[in-house]
């Protein structure tokens, strides 16, 4: 699976899950070194009343269980939105090899927008970062969600 295909899958997951949980539509896909999907995640904060249930954390937990190891150093995480500080920290701790994201998060992004946790020279683990994959589609999904939320209130 190439990166655009993986991002398309993440976008589909995000769109479908928000209908169930009414959470911010963010999707994540983790690929192994062969490009196979080993785990997926979506935001589940509202669904489980869990502040840590971001799409990236959900996917990392599943990937670790499926791989039977916490060290995911041969894996790629593809996510529709730039990770926050919590998720960037978890990505570094899991030793993910490569992070790919779509839309930038100019308010809370921690991989270049507000902070750059993963590429900080003091970071213990260096992560390859690829940005802008299907960025327009990722941003539009979020914009549409928040527009609908404002209309409801």
C-alpha atoms as a PDB file:
ATOM      1  CA  UNK A   1       0.000   0.000   0.000  1.00  0.00           C
ATOM      2  CA  UNK A   2       1.415   3.391  -0.923  1.00  0.00           C
ATOM      3  CA  UNK A   3       1.113   6.493   1.265  1.00  0.00           C
ATOM      4  CA  UNK A   4      -1.822   8.015  -0.625  1.00  0.00           C
ATOM      5  CA  UNK A   5      -3.750   4.747  -0.376  1.00  0.00           C
ATOM      6  CA  UNK A   6      -3.021   4.575   3.334  1.00  0.00           C
ATOM      7  CA  UNK A   7      -4.116   8.189   3.797  1.00  0.00           C
ATOM      8  CA  UNK A   8      -7.309   7.501   1.834  1.00  0.00           C
ATOM      9  CA  UNK A   9      -8.025   4.633   4.211  1.00  0.00           C
ATOM     10  CA  UNK A  10      -7.367   6.897   7.206  1.00  0.00           C
ATOM     11  CA  UNK A  11      -9.745   9.507   5.767  1.00  0.00           C
ATOM     12  CA  UNK A  12     -12.457   6.879   5.219  1.00  0.00           C
ATOM     13  CA  UNK A  13     -12.048   5.621   8.779  1.00  0.00           C
ATOM     14  CA  UNK A  14     -12.230   9.164  10.171  1.00  0.00           C
ATOM     15  CA  UNK A  15     -15.356  10.013   8.215  1.00  0.00           C
ATOM     16  CA  UNK A  16     -17.177   6.811   9.201  1.00  0.00           C
ATOM     17  CA  UNK A  17     -16.184   6.923  12.867  1.00  0.00           C
ATOM     18  CA  UNK A  18     -17.341  10.495  13.423  1.00  0.00           C
ATOM     19  CA  UNK A  19     -20.863   9.414  12.479  1.00  0.00           C
ATOM     20  CA  UNK A  20     -20.753   6.871  15.325  1.00  0.00           C
ATOM     21  CA  UNK A  21     -18.875   8.776  18.016  1.00  0.00           C
ATOM     22  CA  UNK A  22     -19.439  12.423  16.998  1.00  0.00           C
ATOM     23  CA  UNK A  23     -15.740  12.928  17.713  1.00  0.00           C
ATOM     24  CA  UNK A  24     -13.322  15.039  15.690  1.00  0.00           C
ATOM     25  CA  UNK A  25     -12.718  13.083  12.453  1.00  0.00           C
ATOM     26  CA  UNK A  26      -9.111  11.942  12.616  1.00  0.00           C
ATOM     27  CA  UNK A  27      -7.982   8.597  11.252  1.00  0.00           C
ATOM     28  CA  UNK A  28      -4.707   6.723  11.614  1.00  0.00           C
ATOM     29  CA  UNK A  29      -3.240   3.706   9.839  1.00  0.00           C
ATOM     30  CA  UNK A  30      -0.063   1.846  10.776  1.00  0.00           C
ATOM     31  CA  UNK A  31       1.851  -0.007   8.084  1.00  0.00           C
ATOM     32  CA  UNK A  32       4.571  -2.591   8.590  1.00  0.00           C
ATOM     33  CA  UNK A  33       7.787  -2.590   6.550  1.00  0.00           C
ATOM     34  CA  UNK A  34       6.029  -4.499   3.739  1.00  0.00           C
ATOM     35  CA  UNK A  35       3.388  -1.764   3.475  1.00  0.00           C
ATOM     36  CA  UNK A  36       0.649  -3.907   5.013  1.00  0.00           C
ATOM     37  CA  UNK A  37      -1.896  -2.436   7.412  1.00  0.00           C
ATOM     38  CA  UNK A  38      -1.283  -3.798  10.917  1.00  0.00           C
ATOM     39  CA  UNK A  39      -3.545  -1.416  12.849  1.00  0.00           C
ATOM     40  CA  UNK A  40      -5.980   1.450  12.485  1.00  0.00           C
ATOM     41  CA  UNK A  41      -7.385   4.018  14.855  1.00  0.00           C
ATOM     42  CA  UNK A  42      -9.818   6.882  15.033  1.00  0.00           C
ATOM     43  CA  UNK A  43     -10.556   9.465  17.675  1.00  0.00           C
ATOM     44  CA  UNK A  44     -12.545   7.742  20.429  1.00  0.00           C
ATOM     45  CA  UNK A  45     -12.469  10.378  23.151  1.00  0.00           C
ATOM     46  CA  UNK A  46     -16.213  10.995  23.124  1.00  0.00           C
ATOM     47  CA  UNK A  47     -17.045   7.324  22.647  1.00  0.00           C
ATOM     48  CA  UNK A  48     -15.013   6.140  25.661  1.00  0.00           C
ATOM     49  CA  UNK A  49     -14.822   9.389  27.665  1.00  0.00           C
ATOM     50  CA  UNK A  50     -11.037   9.006  27.470  1.00  0.00           C
ATOM     51  CA  UNK A  51      -8.877  12.098  26.908  1.00  0.00           C
ATOM     52  CA  UNK A  52      -6.010   9.938  25.624  1.00  0.00           C
ATOM     53  CA  UNK A  53      -8.074   8.138  22.970  1.00  0.00           C
ATOM     54  CA  UNK A  54      -6.664  10.063  20.011  1.00  0.00           C
ATOM     55  CA  UNK A  55      -6.513   8.203  16.690  1.00  0.00           C
ATOM     56  CA  UNK A  56      -2.729   7.844  16.879  1.00  0.00           C
ATOM     57  CA  UNK A  57      -2.757   6.406  20.415  1.00  0.00           C
ATOM     58  CA  UNK A  58      -5.554   3.971  19.535  1.00  0.00           C
ATOM     59  CA  UNK A  59      -3.609   2.788  16.464  1.00  0.00           C
ATOM     60  CA  UNK A  60      -0.295   2.525  18.351  1.00  0.00           C
ATOM     61  CA  UNK A  61      -1.890   0.395  21.055  1.00  0.00           C
ATOM     62  CA  UNK A  62      -3.426  -1.952  18.474  1.00  0.00           C
ATOM     63  CA  UNK A  63      -0.169  -2.190  16.494  1.00  0.00           C
ATOM     64  CA  UNK A  64       1.803  -3.076  19.625  1.00  0.00           C
ATOM     65  CA  UNK A  65      -0.712  -5.768  20.542  1.00  0.00           C
ATOM     66  CA  UNK A  66      -0.843  -7.143  16.994  1.00  0.00           C
ATOM     67  CA  UNK A  67       2.965  -7.141  16.711  1.00  0.00           C
ATOM     68  CA  UNK A  68       3.397  -8.448  20.259  1.00  0.00           C
ATOM     69  CA  UNK A  69       6.004  -5.751  20.926  1.00  0.00           C
ATOM     70  CA  UNK A  70       6.001  -2.104  21.916  1.00  0.00           C
ATOM     71  CA  UNK A  71       8.927  -1.170  19.673  1.00  0.00           C
ATOM     72  CA  UNK A  72       7.468  -0.322  16.252  1.00  0.00           C
ATOM     73  CA  UNK A  73      10.744   0.769  14.658  1.00  0.00           C
ATOM     74  CA  UNK A  74       9.960  -0.776  11.255  1.00  0.00           C
ATOM     75  CA  UNK A  75       6.494   0.790  11.009  1.00  0.00           C
ATOM     76  CA  UNK A  76       4.950   3.861   9.412  1.00  0.00           C
ATOM     77  CA  UNK A  77       2.117   5.815  11.003  1.00  0.00           C
ATOM     78  CA  UNK A  78      -0.191   7.616   8.574  1.00  0.00           C
ATOM     79  CA  UNK A  79      -2.609  10.089  10.154  1.00  0.00           C
ATOM     80  CA  UNK A  80      -4.958  12.698   8.723  1.00  0.00           C
ATOM     81  CA  UNK A  81      -3.957  15.503  11.130  1.00  0.00           C
ATOM     82  CA  UNK A  82      -0.611  16.661  12.490  1.00  0.00           C
ATOM     83  CA  UNK A  83      -0.173  14.979  15.896  1.00  0.00           C
ATOM     84  CA  UNK A  84      -0.503  16.900  19.154  1.00  0.00           C
ATOM     85  CA  UNK A  85       2.208  16.900  21.829  1.00  0.00           C
ATOM     86  CA  UNK A  86       0.806  13.804  23.562  1.00  0.00           C
ATOM     87  CA  UNK A  87       0.655  11.823  20.334  1.00  0.00           C
ATOM     88  CA  UNK A  88       4.049  13.039  19.131  1.00  0.00           C
ATOM     89  CA  UNK A  89       5.517  11.869  22.433  1.00  0.00           C
ATOM     90  CA  UNK A  90       3.856   8.468  22.067  1.00  0.00           C
ATOM     91  CA  UNK A  91       5.115   8.189  18.490  1.00  0.00           C
ATOM     92  CA  UNK A  92       8.664   8.811  19.689  1.00  0.00           C
ATOM     93  CA  UNK A  93       8.291   6.377  22.585  1.00  0.00           C
ATOM     94  CA  UNK A  94       7.007   3.656  20.251  1.00  0.00           C
ATOM     95  CA  UNK A  95      10.040   4.166  18.009  1.00  0.00           C
ATOM     96  CA  UNK A  96       7.867   4.551  14.896  1.00  0.00           C
ATOM     97  CA  UNK A  97      10.213   4.861  11.917  1.00  0.00           C
ATOM     98  CA  UNK A  98       8.151   7.240   9.790  1.00  0.00           C
ATOM     99  CA  UNK A  99       5.223   9.567  10.380  1.00  0.00           C
ATOM    100  CA  UNK A 100       3.053  10.731   7.492  1.00  0.00           C
ATOM    101  CA  UNK A 101       0.304  13.298   8.032  1.00  0.00           C
ATOM    102  CA  UNK A 102      -2.171  15.239   5.942  1.00  0.00           C
ATOM    103  CA  UNK A 103      -3.433  18.509   7.441  1.00  0.00           C
ATOM    104  CA  UNK A 104      -1.400  20.831   9.616  1.00  0.00           C
ATOM    105  CA  UNK A 105      -2.767  21.728  13.056  1.00  0.00           C
ATOM    106  CA  UNK A 106      -1.773  25.360  13.526  1.00  0.00           C
ATOM    107  CA  UNK A 107      -3.307  25.500  17.028  1.00  0.00           C
ATOM    108  CA  UNK A 108      -1.934  22.351  18.660  1.00  0.00           C
ATOM    109  CA  UNK A 109       0.374  20.614  16.188  1.00  0.00           C
ATOM    110  CA  UNK A 110       3.572  19.222  17.665  1.00  0.00           C
ATOM    111  CA  UNK A 111       5.387  18.144  14.512  1.00  0.00           C
ATOM    112  CA  UNK A 112       6.209  21.528  13.048  1.00  0.00           C
ATOM    113  CA  UNK A 113       3.287  23.904  13.560  1.00  0.00           C
ATOM    114  CA  UNK A 114       3.470  24.928  17.214  1.00  0.00           C
ATOM    115  CA  UNK A 115       6.229  22.587  18.415  1.00  0.00           C
ATOM    116  CA  UNK A 116       8.426  20.010  16.726  1.00  0.00           C
ATOM    117  CA  UNK A 117       8.720  17.243  19.283  1.00  0.00           C
ATOM    118  CA  UNK A 118       9.867  14.546  16.869  1.00  0.00           C
ATOM    119  CA  UNK A 119      12.586  16.520  15.108  1.00  0.00           C
ATOM    120  CA  UNK A 120      13.915  18.330  18.152  1.00  0.00           C
ATOM    121  CA  UNK A 121      17.700  17.815  18.220  1.00  0.00           C
ATOM    122  CA  UNK A 122      17.380  16.656  21.841  1.00  0.00           C
ATOM    123  CA  UNK A 123      14.888  13.884  20.974  1.00  0.00           C
ATOM    124  CA  UNK A 124      16.116  10.408  21.831  1.00  0.00           C
ATOM    125  CA  UNK A 125      14.543   8.843  18.736  1.00  0.00           C
ATOM    126  CA  UNK A 126      14.502  10.475  15.305  1.00  0.00           C
ATOM    127  CA  UNK A 127      11.414   9.974  13.172  1.00  0.00           C
ATOM    128  CA  UNK A 128      11.237  10.584   9.435  1.00  0.00           C
ATOM    129  CA  UNK A 129       8.345  13.007   8.837  1.00  0.00           C
ATOM    130  CA  UNK A 130       6.407  13.287   5.577  1.00  0.00           C
ATOM    131  CA  UNK A 131       3.818  16.066   5.406  1.00  0.00           C
ATOM    132  CA  UNK A 132       1.023  17.140   3.124  1.00  0.00           C
ATOM    133  CA  UNK A 133      -0.233  13.757   1.853  1.00  0.00           C
ATOM    134  CA  UNK A 134      -3.861  14.401   0.829  1.00  0.00           C
ATOM    135  CA  UNK A 135      -3.671  17.560   2.938  1.00  0.00           C
ATOM    136  CA  UNK A 136      -6.574  19.276   1.193  1.00  0.00           C
ATOM    137  CA  UNK A 137      -8.941  16.353   1.751  1.00  0.00           C
ATOM    138  CA  UNK A 138      -7.817  16.017   5.367  1.00  0.00           C
ATOM    139  CA  UNK A 139      -8.352  19.714   6.065  1.00  0.00           C
ATOM    140  CA  UNK A 140     -11.745  19.753   4.325  1.00  0.00           C
ATOM    141  CA  UNK A 141     -12.986  16.825   6.430  1.00  0.00           C
ATOM    142  CA  UNK A 142     -12.116  18.721   9.608  1.00  0.00           C
ATOM    143  CA  UNK A 143     -13.524  22.030   8.342  1.00  0.00           C
ATOM    144  CA  UNK A 144     -16.814  20.384   7.391  1.00  0.00           C
ATOM    145  CA  UNK A 145     -17.062  18.717  10.806  1.00  0.00           C
ATOM    146  CA  UNK A 146     -16.474  21.951  12.744  1.00  0.00           C
ATOM    147  CA  UNK A 147     -18.834  23.901  10.470  1.00  0.00           C
ATOM    148  CA  UNK A 148     -21.577  21.350  11.210  1.00  0.00           C
ATOM    149  CA  UNK A 149     -20.797  21.546  14.937  1.00  0.00           C
ATOM    150  CA  UNK A 150     -21.153  25.331  14.916  1.00  0.00           C
ATOM    151  CA  UNK A 151     -24.499  25.094  13.081  1.00  0.00           C
ATOM    152  CA  UNK A 152     -25.825  22.669  15.716  1.00  0.00           C
ATOM    153  CA  UNK A 153     -24.950  25.035  18.568  1.00  0.00           C
END
